[in-house]
Amino acid sequence: MNAPGAIAVGCSAGGVDALKTVLGGLDGALRQAILVCCHSSSDTVDLLCEVLGRASPLPVIEAKERHPVRAGVVHLAPSGYHLLVEADLHFALSVDPRVNHARPSIDVMFTTAAEVWRSALIGVVLTGGNADGSNGLRRIRELGGTAIVQTPEDAQAPVMPRAALEIAGADYCVNLNDIAPLLNRLCLV
């Protein structure tokens, strides 16, 4: 497998701790862009950027309208907006209706990222309390990308990974502590 162009990660309930584990285990030499959609009740992602930035060897920033997707950087979807990736590798933000009761929606981010990176995208579904991300992960797989799902029994909230497995299936279903080492193996080729 050739080194992918991007990694897209989605989570909700229990997601902050899961993201600290995954991002904290990544190799600082990764050159893939990393996109993260984490359902949050907060009005901003400033604190989340700070918390995850302390755990991650890669810089963590909020994705902003028309900003370019940057390699080796973790981009967080802003609160209250769907995060879309455009063909020119810039972000777009949308206030379209909620998808799966969420905005930002993992499905929206996954689907637009899949259209851009196709087989060069890895989608990761972590812990969460609803089915958001399942349809987007299915689209990633349809376009040749790779799907990683946290083992539901290992998740703080198993609904999201279980739904992802039922709707999309997975190329890898692994425990949380094994996700970062797997990403490092897949990406550092």
N, C-alpha and C. Protein backbone atom coordinates (compact mmCIF):
# COMPACT_ATOMS: atom_id res chain seq x y z
N MET A 1 0.84 -1.18 0.00
CA MET A 1 0.00 0.00 0.00
C MET A 1 0.87 1.24 0.00
N ASN A 2 0.57 2.19 -0.86
CA ASN A 2 1.31 3.44 -0.88
C ASN A 2 0.91 4.29 0.32
N ALA A 3 1.81 5.15 0.74
CA ALA A 3 1.51 6.02 1.87
C ALA A 3 0.29 6.87 1.56
N PRO A 4 -0.71 6.88 2.46
CA PRO A 4 -1.93 7.64 2.21
C PRO A 4 -1.72 9.14 2.31
N GLY A 5 -2.62 9.88 1.69
CA GLY A 5 -2.54 11.33 1.72
C GLY A 5 -3.13 11.94 2.96
N ALA A 6 -4.07 11.23 3.60
CA ALA A 6 -4.73 11.81 4.76
C ALA A 6 -5.31 10.72 5.65
N ILE A 7 -5.53 11.11 6.90
CA ILE A 7 -6.20 10.26 7.89
C ILE A 7 -7.37 11.08 8.42
N ALA A 8 -8.56 10.51 8.40
CA ALA A 8 -9.74 11.18 8.93
C ALA A 8 -10.26 10.40 10.12
N VAL A 9 -10.46 11.09 11.25
CA VAL A 9 -10.82 10.44 12.50
C VAL A 9 -12.12 11.03 13.02
N GLY A 10 -13.04 10.15 13.44
CA GLY A 10 -14.29 10.61 14.02
C GLY A 10 -14.58 9.95 15.34
N CYS A 11 -15.19 10.72 16.27
CA CYS A 11 -15.54 10.20 17.58
C CYS A 11 -16.57 11.11 18.24
N SER A 12 -17.19 10.61 19.30
CA SER A 12 -18.03 11.48 20.12
C SER A 12 -17.83 11.11 21.59
N ALA A 13 -18.80 10.50 22.23
CA ALA A 13 -18.70 10.23 23.67
C ALA A 13 -17.42 9.46 24.00
N GLY A 14 -16.62 10.00 24.91
CA GLY A 14 -15.35 9.38 25.27
C GLY A 14 -14.23 9.72 24.31
N GLY A 15 -14.52 10.57 23.33
CA GLY A 15 -13.58 10.83 22.25
C GLY A 15 -12.32 11.58 22.62
N VAL A 16 -12.40 12.47 23.60
CA VAL A 16 -11.20 13.26 23.93
C VAL A 16 -10.10 12.34 24.44
N ASP A 17 -10.44 11.46 25.36
CA ASP A 17 -9.42 10.53 25.87
C ASP A 17 -8.91 9.61 24.77
N ALA A 18 -9.83 9.15 23.91
CA ALA A 18 -9.42 8.28 22.80
C ALA A 18 -8.49 9.02 21.85
N LEU A 19 -8.82 10.28 21.56
CA LEU A 19 -7.96 11.06 20.66
C LEU A 19 -6.58 11.30 21.28
N LYS A 20 -6.54 11.55 22.58
CA LYS A 20 -5.23 11.73 23.23
C LYS A 20 -4.38 10.48 23.07
N THR A 21 -5.01 9.31 23.19
CA THR A 21 -4.28 8.06 23.03
C THR A 21 -3.78 7.89 21.59
N VAL A 22 -4.67 8.09 20.62
CA VAL A 22 -4.30 7.89 19.22
C VAL A 22 -3.28 8.92 18.77
N LEU A 23 -3.57 10.20 18.97
CA LEU A 23 -2.65 11.24 18.51
C LEU A 23 -1.32 11.16 19.25
N GLY A 24 -1.38 10.82 20.54
CA GLY A 24 -0.16 10.72 21.33
C GLY A 24 0.76 9.60 20.88
N GLY A 25 0.20 8.59 20.23
CA GLY A 25 1.01 7.47 19.78
C GLY A 25 1.52 7.59 18.35
N LEU A 26 1.14 8.67 17.66
CA LEU A 26 1.58 8.83 16.28
C LEU A 26 3.04 9.22 16.19
N ASP A 27 3.69 8.79 15.15
CA ASP A 27 5.08 9.15 14.89
C ASP A 27 5.12 10.59 14.39
N GLY A 28 6.01 11.39 14.97
CA GLY A 28 6.14 12.79 14.57
C GLY A 28 6.60 12.97 13.13
N ALA A 29 7.03 11.89 12.49
CA ALA A 29 7.48 11.98 11.09
C ALA A 29 6.34 11.81 10.09
N LEU A 30 5.11 11.56 10.57
CA LEU A 30 3.99 11.38 9.64
C LEU A 30 3.82 12.62 8.77
N ARG A 31 3.62 12.40 7.49
CA ARG A 31 3.44 13.51 6.56
C ARG A 31 2.00 13.59 6.04
N GLN A 32 1.13 12.76 6.56
CA GLN A 32 -0.27 12.80 6.16
C GLN A 32 -0.98 13.94 6.90
N ALA A 33 -1.92 14.55 6.24
CA ALA A 33 -2.82 15.48 6.93
C ALA A 33 -3.76 14.63 7.78
N ILE A 34 -4.10 15.13 8.94
CA ILE A 34 -5.02 14.42 9.82
C ILE A 34 -6.22 15.33 10.09
N LEU A 35 -7.41 14.83 9.80
CA LEU A 35 -8.64 15.58 10.00
C LEU A 35 -9.41 14.91 11.13
N VAL A 36 -9.89 15.70 12.09
CA VAL A 36 -10.58 15.14 13.25
C VAL A 36 -11.93 15.82 13.42
N CYS A 37 -12.96 15.00 13.54
CA CYS A 37 -14.29 15.49 13.89
C CYS A 37 -14.67 14.83 15.21
N CYS A 38 -14.79 15.65 16.25
CA CYS A 38 -15.15 15.16 17.58
C CYS A 38 -16.39 15.91 18.03
N HIS A 39 -17.49 15.19 18.23
CA HIS A 39 -18.71 15.85 18.72
C HIS A 39 -18.43 16.44 20.09
N SER A 40 -18.80 17.68 20.25
CA SER A 40 -18.53 18.37 21.51
C SER A 40 -19.66 19.33 21.81
N SER A 41 -19.93 19.55 23.07
CA SER A 41 -20.95 20.52 23.44
C SER A 41 -20.37 21.92 23.57
N SER A 42 -19.07 22.04 23.40
CA SER A 42 -18.40 23.33 23.53
C SER A 42 -18.67 24.22 22.32
N ASP A 43 -18.65 25.52 22.54
CA ASP A 43 -18.84 26.49 21.46
C ASP A 43 -17.58 26.67 20.62
N THR A 44 -16.44 26.29 21.16
CA THR A 44 -15.18 26.43 20.43
C THR A 44 -14.37 25.15 20.58
N VAL A 45 -13.33 25.01 19.77
CA VAL A 45 -12.43 23.88 19.92
C VAL A 45 -11.06 24.32 20.43
N ASP A 46 -10.97 25.56 20.90
CA ASP A 46 -9.69 26.08 21.38
C ASP A 46 -9.10 25.20 22.48
N LEU A 47 -9.91 24.87 23.48
CA LEU A 47 -9.41 24.05 24.59
C LEU A 47 -9.05 22.66 24.10
N LEU A 48 -9.87 22.10 23.20
CA LEU A 48 -9.57 20.77 22.66
C LEU A 48 -8.25 20.79 21.88
N CYS A 49 -8.01 21.84 21.10
CA CYS A 49 -6.73 21.97 20.39
C CYS A 49 -5.57 21.97 21.38
N GLU A 50 -5.76 22.70 22.48
CA GLU A 50 -4.70 22.79 23.48
C GLU A 50 -4.45 21.44 24.16
N VAL A 51 -5.52 20.78 24.57
CA VAL A 51 -5.40 19.48 25.24
C VAL A 51 -4.76 18.45 24.33
N LEU A 52 -5.25 18.36 23.09
CA LEU A 52 -4.71 17.38 22.15
C LEU A 52 -3.30 17.76 21.71
N GLY A 53 -3.03 19.05 21.62
CA GLY A 53 -1.70 19.51 21.25
C GLY A 53 -0.64 19.10 22.25
N ARG A 54 -1.03 19.03 23.52
CA ARG A 54 -0.07 18.58 24.55
C ARG A 54 0.22 17.10 24.41
N ALA A 55 -0.74 16.33 23.88
CA ALA A 55 -0.56 14.88 23.74
C ALA A 55 0.11 14.50 22.43
N SER A 56 -0.04 15.31 21.40
CA SER A 56 0.37 14.94 20.05
C SER A 56 1.76 15.45 19.68
N PRO A 57 2.55 14.62 18.99
CA PRO A 57 3.83 15.12 18.48
C PRO A 57 3.64 16.01 17.25
N LEU A 58 2.43 16.01 16.68
CA LEU A 58 2.12 16.84 15.52
C LEU A 58 1.34 18.07 15.98
N PRO A 59 1.48 19.20 15.28
CA PRO A 59 0.70 20.38 15.66
C PRO A 59 -0.79 20.13 15.50
N VAL A 60 -1.59 20.70 16.39
CA VAL A 60 -3.04 20.56 16.37
C VAL A 60 -3.65 21.95 16.23
N ILE A 61 -4.44 22.14 15.17
CA ILE A 61 -5.04 23.45 14.90
C ILE A 61 -6.52 23.29 14.53
N GLU A 62 -7.26 24.37 14.63
CA GLU A 62 -8.65 24.39 14.18
C GLU A 62 -8.68 24.60 12.67
N ALA A 63 -9.45 23.80 11.97
CA ALA A 63 -9.61 23.98 10.52
C ALA A 63 -10.48 25.22 10.28
N LYS A 64 -10.07 26.05 9.34
CA LYS A 64 -10.79 27.29 9.07
C LYS A 64 -11.17 27.38 7.59
N GLU A 65 -12.22 28.13 7.34
CA GLU A 65 -12.73 28.33 5.99
C GLU A 65 -11.62 28.77 5.03
N ARG A 66 -11.50 28.05 3.90
CA ARG A 66 -10.56 28.34 2.82
C ARG A 66 -9.09 28.20 3.21
N HIS A 67 -8.80 27.67 4.39
CA HIS A 67 -7.41 27.40 4.74
C HIS A 67 -6.98 26.11 4.06
N PRO A 68 -5.71 26.02 3.67
CA PRO A 68 -5.24 24.79 3.02
C PRO A 68 -5.11 23.64 4.01
N VAL A 69 -5.31 22.44 3.50
CA VAL A 69 -5.02 21.23 4.27
C VAL A 69 -3.50 21.11 4.31
N ARG A 70 -2.94 20.95 5.51
CA ARG A 70 -1.48 20.91 5.65
C ARG A 70 -1.01 19.52 6.05
N ALA A 71 0.02 19.05 5.39
CA ALA A 71 0.61 17.75 5.71
C ALA A 71 1.25 17.79 7.09
N GLY A 72 1.15 16.68 7.81
CA GLY A 72 1.80 16.58 9.12
C GLY A 72 1.15 17.44 10.19
N VAL A 73 -0.10 17.84 9.97
CA VAL A 73 -0.82 18.69 10.91
C VAL A 73 -2.17 18.05 11.22
N VAL A 74 -2.60 18.13 12.48
CA VAL A 74 -3.92 17.67 12.89
C VAL A 74 -4.87 18.85 12.80
N HIS A 75 -5.93 18.71 11.99
CA HIS A 75 -6.93 19.76 11.80
C HIS A 75 -8.23 19.34 12.49
N LEU A 76 -8.71 20.15 13.44
CA LEU A 76 -9.95 19.83 14.14
C LEU A 76 -11.12 20.56 13.51
N ALA A 77 -12.23 19.85 13.31
CA ALA A 77 -13.45 20.48 12.81
C ALA A 77 -13.95 21.47 13.85
N PRO A 78 -14.28 22.70 13.43
CA PRO A 78 -14.76 23.69 14.40
C PRO A 78 -16.17 23.37 14.89
N SER A 79 -16.49 23.84 16.07
CA SER A 79 -17.82 23.62 16.64
C SER A 79 -18.87 24.34 15.80
N GLY A 80 -20.00 23.66 15.57
CA GLY A 80 -21.13 24.29 14.91
C GLY A 80 -21.09 24.31 13.40
N TYR A 81 -20.04 23.76 12.79
CA TYR A 81 -19.91 23.77 11.34
C TYR A 81 -19.55 22.37 10.84
N HIS A 82 -20.12 21.99 9.69
CA HIS A 82 -19.63 20.81 9.01
C HIS A 82 -18.29 21.17 8.37
N LEU A 83 -17.34 20.25 8.43
CA LEU A 83 -16.02 20.46 7.81
C LEU A 83 -15.97 19.66 6.52
N LEU A 84 -15.75 20.36 5.41
CA LEU A 84 -15.67 19.74 4.10
C LEU A 84 -14.28 19.96 3.52
N VAL A 85 -13.82 19.00 2.74
CA VAL A 85 -12.55 19.13 2.02
C VAL A 85 -12.89 19.32 0.55
N GLU A 86 -12.33 20.37 -0.05
CA GLU A 86 -12.59 20.64 -1.45
C GLU A 86 -11.49 20.05 -2.32
N ALA A 87 -11.76 19.93 -3.59
CA ALA A 87 -10.83 19.29 -4.53
C ALA A 87 -9.47 19.99 -4.58
N ASP A 88 -9.44 21.30 -4.27
CA ASP A 88 -8.18 22.04 -4.29
C ASP A 88 -7.42 21.94 -2.96
N LEU A 89 -7.85 20.99 -2.10
CA LEU A 89 -7.22 20.73 -0.79
C LEU A 89 -7.29 21.95 0.13
N HIS A 90 -8.44 22.60 0.09
CA HIS A 90 -8.76 23.66 1.05
C HIS A 90 -10.02 23.24 1.79
N PHE A 91 -10.19 23.78 2.99
CA PHE A 91 -11.37 23.47 3.78
C PHE A 91 -12.52 24.40 3.42
N ALA A 92 -13.72 23.89 3.55
CA ALA A 92 -14.94 24.69 3.49
C ALA A 92 -15.75 24.36 4.73
N LEU A 93 -16.44 25.36 5.26
CA LEU A 93 -17.29 25.17 6.41
C LEU A 93 -18.74 25.38 5.99
N SER A 94 -19.63 24.61 6.59
CA SER A 94 -21.03 24.66 6.21
C SER A 94 -21.91 24.67 7.45
N VAL A 95 -23.01 25.42 7.38
CA VAL A 95 -24.01 25.39 8.44
C VAL A 95 -25.27 24.67 7.96
N ASP A 96 -25.09 23.78 6.99
CA ASP A 96 -26.20 22.94 6.54
C ASP A 96 -26.78 22.20 7.75
N PRO A 97 -28.00 21.66 7.62
CA PRO A 97 -28.62 20.97 8.75
C PRO A 97 -27.74 19.87 9.33
N ARG A 98 -27.99 19.58 10.59
CA ARG A 98 -27.26 18.53 11.29
C ARG A 98 -27.45 17.19 10.57
N VAL A 99 -26.42 16.37 10.63
CA VAL A 99 -26.47 15.01 10.10
C VAL A 99 -26.25 14.08 11.30
N ASN A 100 -27.13 13.11 11.49
CA ASN A 100 -27.06 12.25 12.68
C ASN A 100 -27.04 13.08 13.96
N HIS A 101 -27.82 14.15 13.97
CA HIS A 101 -27.96 15.03 15.12
C HIS A 101 -26.68 15.79 15.44
N ALA A 102 -25.78 15.87 14.49
CA ALA A 102 -24.48 16.49 14.79
C ALA A 102 -24.08 17.50 13.71
N ARG A 103 -23.47 18.57 14.15
CA ARG A 103 -22.77 19.51 13.28
C ARG A 103 -21.63 20.08 14.11
N PRO A 104 -20.41 19.66 13.86
CA PRO A 104 -19.93 18.97 12.67
C PRO A 104 -20.31 17.50 12.64
N SER A 105 -20.49 16.98 11.44
CA SER A 105 -20.82 15.58 11.24
C SER A 105 -19.61 14.83 10.71
N ILE A 106 -19.36 13.68 11.30
CA ILE A 106 -18.27 12.82 10.83
C ILE A 106 -18.58 12.34 9.41
N ASP A 107 -19.84 11.98 9.15
CA ASP A 107 -20.21 11.52 7.81
C ASP A 107 -19.87 12.54 6.75
N VAL A 108 -20.18 13.81 7.00
CA VAL A 108 -19.89 14.87 6.02
C VAL A 108 -18.39 14.97 5.77
N MET A 109 -17.61 15.01 6.85
CA MET A 109 -16.15 15.12 6.71
C MET A 109 -15.59 13.91 5.98
N PHE A 110 -15.99 12.70 6.41
CA PHE A 110 -15.48 11.48 5.78
C PHE A 110 -15.83 11.45 4.29
N THR A 111 -17.06 11.78 3.95
CA THR A 111 -17.50 11.68 2.56
C THR A 111 -16.74 12.64 1.65
N THR A 112 -16.59 13.89 2.09
CA THR A 112 -15.87 14.84 1.23
C THR A 112 -14.38 14.49 1.15
N ALA A 113 -13.81 14.01 2.24
CA ALA A 113 -12.41 13.60 2.22
C ALA A 113 -12.22 12.39 1.29
N ALA A 114 -13.18 11.47 1.31
CA ALA A 114 -13.09 10.29 0.44
C ALA A 114 -13.12 10.68 -1.02
N GLU A 115 -13.93 11.67 -1.37
CA GLU A 115 -14.01 12.12 -2.76
C GLU A 115 -12.69 12.74 -3.22
N VAL A 116 -11.97 13.35 -2.30
CA VAL A 116 -10.70 14.00 -2.64
C VAL A 116 -9.55 13.00 -2.68
N TRP A 117 -9.38 12.23 -1.62
CA TRP A 117 -8.20 11.37 -1.50
C TRP A 117 -8.41 9.95 -2.02
N ARG A 118 -9.66 9.52 -2.11
CA ARG A 118 -10.00 8.20 -2.62
C ARG A 118 -9.19 7.10 -1.92
N SER A 119 -8.37 6.35 -2.65
CA SER A 119 -7.64 5.24 -2.03
C SER A 119 -6.51 5.70 -1.12
N ALA A 120 -6.20 6.98 -1.12
CA ALA A 120 -5.13 7.51 -0.27
C ALA A 120 -5.65 8.06 1.05
N LEU A 121 -6.84 7.59 1.47
CA LEU A 121 -7.43 8.05 2.72
C LEU A 121 -7.62 6.88 3.67
N ILE A 122 -7.31 7.12 4.93
CA ILE A 122 -7.62 6.17 6.00
C ILE A 122 -8.68 6.82 6.86
N GLY A 123 -9.80 6.12 7.07
CA GLY A 123 -10.84 6.58 7.97
C GLY A 123 -10.79 5.80 9.26
N VAL A 124 -10.93 6.51 10.38
CA VAL A 124 -10.85 5.89 11.71
C VAL A 124 -12.09 6.27 12.51
N VAL A 125 -12.83 5.27 12.97
CA VAL A 125 -13.99 5.52 13.83
C VAL A 125 -13.64 5.03 15.23
N LEU A 126 -13.76 5.97 16.19
CA LEU A 126 -13.48 5.67 17.59
C LEU A 126 -14.79 5.63 18.38
N THR A 127 -14.67 5.64 19.67
CA THR A 127 -15.80 5.61 20.59
C THR A 127 -16.84 6.68 20.27
N GLY A 128 -18.10 6.37 20.53
CA GLY A 128 -19.15 7.35 20.31
C GLY A 128 -20.52 6.78 20.58
N GLY A 129 -21.48 7.69 20.80
CA GLY A 129 -22.81 7.28 21.22
C GLY A 129 -23.88 7.30 20.15
N ASN A 130 -23.49 7.51 18.87
CA ASN A 130 -24.49 7.43 17.80
C ASN A 130 -23.84 6.83 16.55
N ALA A 131 -24.58 6.80 15.45
CA ALA A 131 -24.10 6.11 14.23
C ALA A 131 -23.37 7.04 13.27
N ASP A 132 -23.11 8.31 13.67
CA ASP A 132 -22.41 9.22 12.77
C ASP A 132 -21.05 8.62 12.40
N GLY A 133 -20.69 8.75 11.14
CA GLY A 133 -19.43 8.21 10.64
C GLY A 133 -19.59 6.92 9.87
N SER A 134 -20.67 6.19 10.10
CA SER A 134 -20.86 4.88 9.46
C SER A 134 -20.99 5.00 7.95
N ASN A 135 -21.87 5.90 7.50
CA ASN A 135 -22.06 6.07 6.05
C ASN A 135 -20.82 6.66 5.39
N GLY A 136 -20.17 7.59 6.07
CA GLY A 136 -18.94 8.16 5.53
C GLY A 136 -17.83 7.13 5.43
N LEU A 137 -17.74 6.26 6.42
CA LEU A 137 -16.73 5.20 6.37
C LEU A 137 -17.03 4.23 5.23
N ARG A 138 -18.30 3.96 5.01
CA ARG A 138 -18.67 3.11 3.88
C ARG A 138 -18.23 3.76 2.57
N ARG A 139 -18.39 5.07 2.45
CA ARG A 139 -17.97 5.78 1.23
C ARG A 139 -16.45 5.71 1.08
N ILE A 140 -15.72 5.85 2.16
CA ILE A 140 -14.26 5.73 2.10
C ILE A 140 -13.87 4.37 1.51
N ARG A 141 -14.51 3.32 2.00
CA ARG A 141 -14.19 1.98 1.51
C ARG A 141 -14.61 1.80 0.06
N GLU A 142 -15.77 2.36 -0.33
CA GLU A 142 -16.23 2.26 -1.72
C GLU A 142 -15.23 2.88 -2.69
N LEU A 143 -14.55 3.93 -2.24
CA LEU A 143 -13.60 4.63 -3.11
C LEU A 143 -12.17 4.12 -2.93
N GLY A 144 -12.02 3.00 -2.25
CA GLY A 144 -10.71 2.35 -2.17
C GLY A 144 -9.88 2.70 -0.96
N GLY A 145 -10.43 3.53 -0.06
CA GLY A 145 -9.69 3.89 1.15
C GLY A 145 -9.71 2.78 2.18
N THR A 146 -9.01 3.00 3.26
CA THR A 146 -8.85 2.02 4.33
C THR A 146 -9.68 2.42 5.53
N ALA A 147 -10.36 1.46 6.14
CA ALA A 147 -11.20 1.72 7.30
C ALA A 147 -10.65 1.02 8.54
N ILE A 148 -10.49 1.82 9.60
CA ILE A 148 -10.07 1.31 10.90
C ILE A 148 -11.17 1.64 11.89
N VAL A 149 -11.61 0.64 12.65
CA VAL A 149 -12.66 0.85 13.65
C VAL A 149 -12.16 0.33 14.99
N GLN A 150 -12.37 1.15 16.02
CA GLN A 150 -12.04 0.70 17.37
C GLN A 150 -12.96 -0.46 17.75
N THR A 151 -12.40 -1.49 18.34
CA THR A 151 -13.19 -2.62 18.81
C THR A 151 -14.29 -2.11 19.73
N PRO A 152 -15.57 -2.38 19.42
CA PRO A 152 -16.65 -1.83 20.25
C PRO A 152 -16.52 -2.16 21.73
N GLU A 153 -16.10 -3.37 22.06
CA GLU A 153 -15.96 -3.76 23.46
C GLU A 153 -14.88 -2.96 24.18
N ASP A 154 -13.98 -2.36 23.42
CA ASP A 154 -12.88 -1.58 23.97
C ASP A 154 -13.26 -0.10 24.10
N ALA A 155 -14.37 0.31 23.49
CA ALA A 155 -14.76 1.72 23.43
C ALA A 155 -15.52 2.14 24.68
N GLN A 156 -15.31 3.37 25.10
CA GLN A 156 -16.07 3.90 26.23
C GLN A 156 -17.57 3.93 25.89
N ALA A 157 -17.89 4.29 24.64
CA ALA A 157 -19.27 4.24 24.14
C ALA A 157 -19.25 3.40 22.85
N PRO A 158 -19.79 2.18 22.87
CA PRO A 158 -19.62 1.25 21.75
C PRO A 158 -20.56 1.46 20.57
N VAL A 159 -21.54 2.37 20.68
CA VAL A 159 -22.56 2.50 19.63
C VAL A 159 -21.93 2.89 18.28
N MET A 160 -21.04 3.88 18.28
CA MET A 160 -20.46 4.37 17.02
C MET A 160 -19.60 3.32 16.33
N PRO A 161 -18.65 2.69 17.02
CA PRO A 161 -17.87 1.67 16.33
C PRO A 161 -18.71 0.47 15.91
N ARG A 162 -19.70 0.10 16.70
CA ARG A 162 -20.57 -1.03 16.34
C ARG A 162 -21.35 -0.70 15.06
N ALA A 163 -21.90 0.52 14.98
CA ALA A 163 -22.64 0.94 13.79
C ALA A 163 -21.73 0.98 12.57
N ALA A 164 -20.50 1.45 12.76
CA ALA A 164 -19.55 1.51 11.64
C ALA A 164 -19.28 0.11 11.10
N LEU A 165 -19.10 -0.86 12.00
CA LEU A 165 -18.85 -2.23 11.56
C LEU A 165 -20.06 -2.80 10.83
N GLU A 166 -21.25 -2.51 11.32
CA GLU A 166 -22.47 -3.04 10.70
C GLU A 166 -22.73 -2.43 9.32
N ILE A 167 -22.49 -1.13 9.18
CA ILE A 167 -22.83 -0.42 7.94
C ILE A 167 -21.68 -0.43 6.94
N ALA A 168 -20.45 -0.25 7.42
CA ALA A 168 -19.31 -0.10 6.52
C ALA A 168 -18.37 -1.30 6.53
N GLY A 169 -18.33 -2.02 7.63
CA GLY A 169 -17.29 -3.02 7.78
C GLY A 169 -15.97 -2.32 8.08
N ALA A 170 -14.90 -3.06 8.11
CA ALA A 170 -13.60 -2.46 8.42
C ALA A 170 -12.49 -3.32 7.82
N ASP A 171 -11.41 -2.66 7.47
CA ASP A 171 -10.20 -3.37 7.09
C ASP A 171 -9.45 -3.83 8.33
N TYR A 172 -9.58 -3.04 9.40
CA TYR A 172 -8.94 -3.36 10.68
C TYR A 172 -9.91 -2.99 11.79
N CYS A 173 -10.13 -3.90 12.71
CA CYS A 173 -10.91 -3.63 13.92
C CYS A 173 -9.99 -3.95 15.09
N VAL A 174 -9.52 -2.92 15.78
CA VAL A 174 -8.48 -3.11 16.79
C VAL A 174 -8.80 -2.29 18.04
N ASN A 175 -8.16 -2.66 19.13
CA ASN A 175 -8.30 -1.91 20.38
C ASN A 175 -7.65 -0.54 20.25
N LEU A 176 -8.10 0.39 21.07
CA LEU A 176 -7.63 1.77 21.02
C LEU A 176 -6.11 1.87 21.04
N ASN A 177 -5.47 1.13 21.94
CA ASN A 177 -4.01 1.24 22.07
C ASN A 177 -3.25 0.74 20.86
N ASP A 178 -3.93 0.01 19.97
CA ASP A 178 -3.27 -0.52 18.78
C ASP A 178 -3.47 0.35 17.54
N ILE A 179 -4.30 1.39 17.65
CA ILE A 179 -4.62 2.20 16.46
C ILE A 179 -3.43 3.04 16.01
N ALA A 180 -2.79 3.76 16.91
CA ALA A 180 -1.65 4.59 16.51
C ALA A 180 -0.51 3.75 15.93
N PRO A 181 -0.11 2.63 16.56
CA PRO A 181 0.93 1.81 15.93
C PRO A 181 0.53 1.32 14.54
N LEU A 182 -0.76 0.99 14.36
CA LEU A 182 -1.23 0.57 13.04
C LEU A 182 -1.12 1.70 12.04
N LEU A 183 -1.54 2.90 12.43
CA LEU A 183 -1.42 4.05 11.52
C LEU A 183 0.03 4.32 11.17
N ASN A 184 0.91 4.22 12.13
CA ASN A 184 2.34 4.43 11.86
C ASN A 184 2.84 3.41 10.84
N ARG A 185 2.44 2.16 11.00
CA ARG A 185 2.86 1.11 10.05
C ARG A 185 2.32 1.38 8.66
N LEU A 186 1.04 1.76 8.56
CA LEU A 186 0.42 1.99 7.25
C LEU A 186 0.98 3.24 6.56
N CYS A 187 1.35 4.23 7.34
CA CYS A 187 1.70 5.53 6.77
C CYS A 187 3.19 5.72 6.54
N LEU A 188 4.02 5.08 7.33
CA LEU A 188 5.46 5.27 7.19
C LEU A 188 6.04 4.15 6.34
N VAL A 189 5.72 4.20 5.05
CA VAL A 189 6.21 3.16 4.12
C VAL A 189 7.18 3.75 3.14
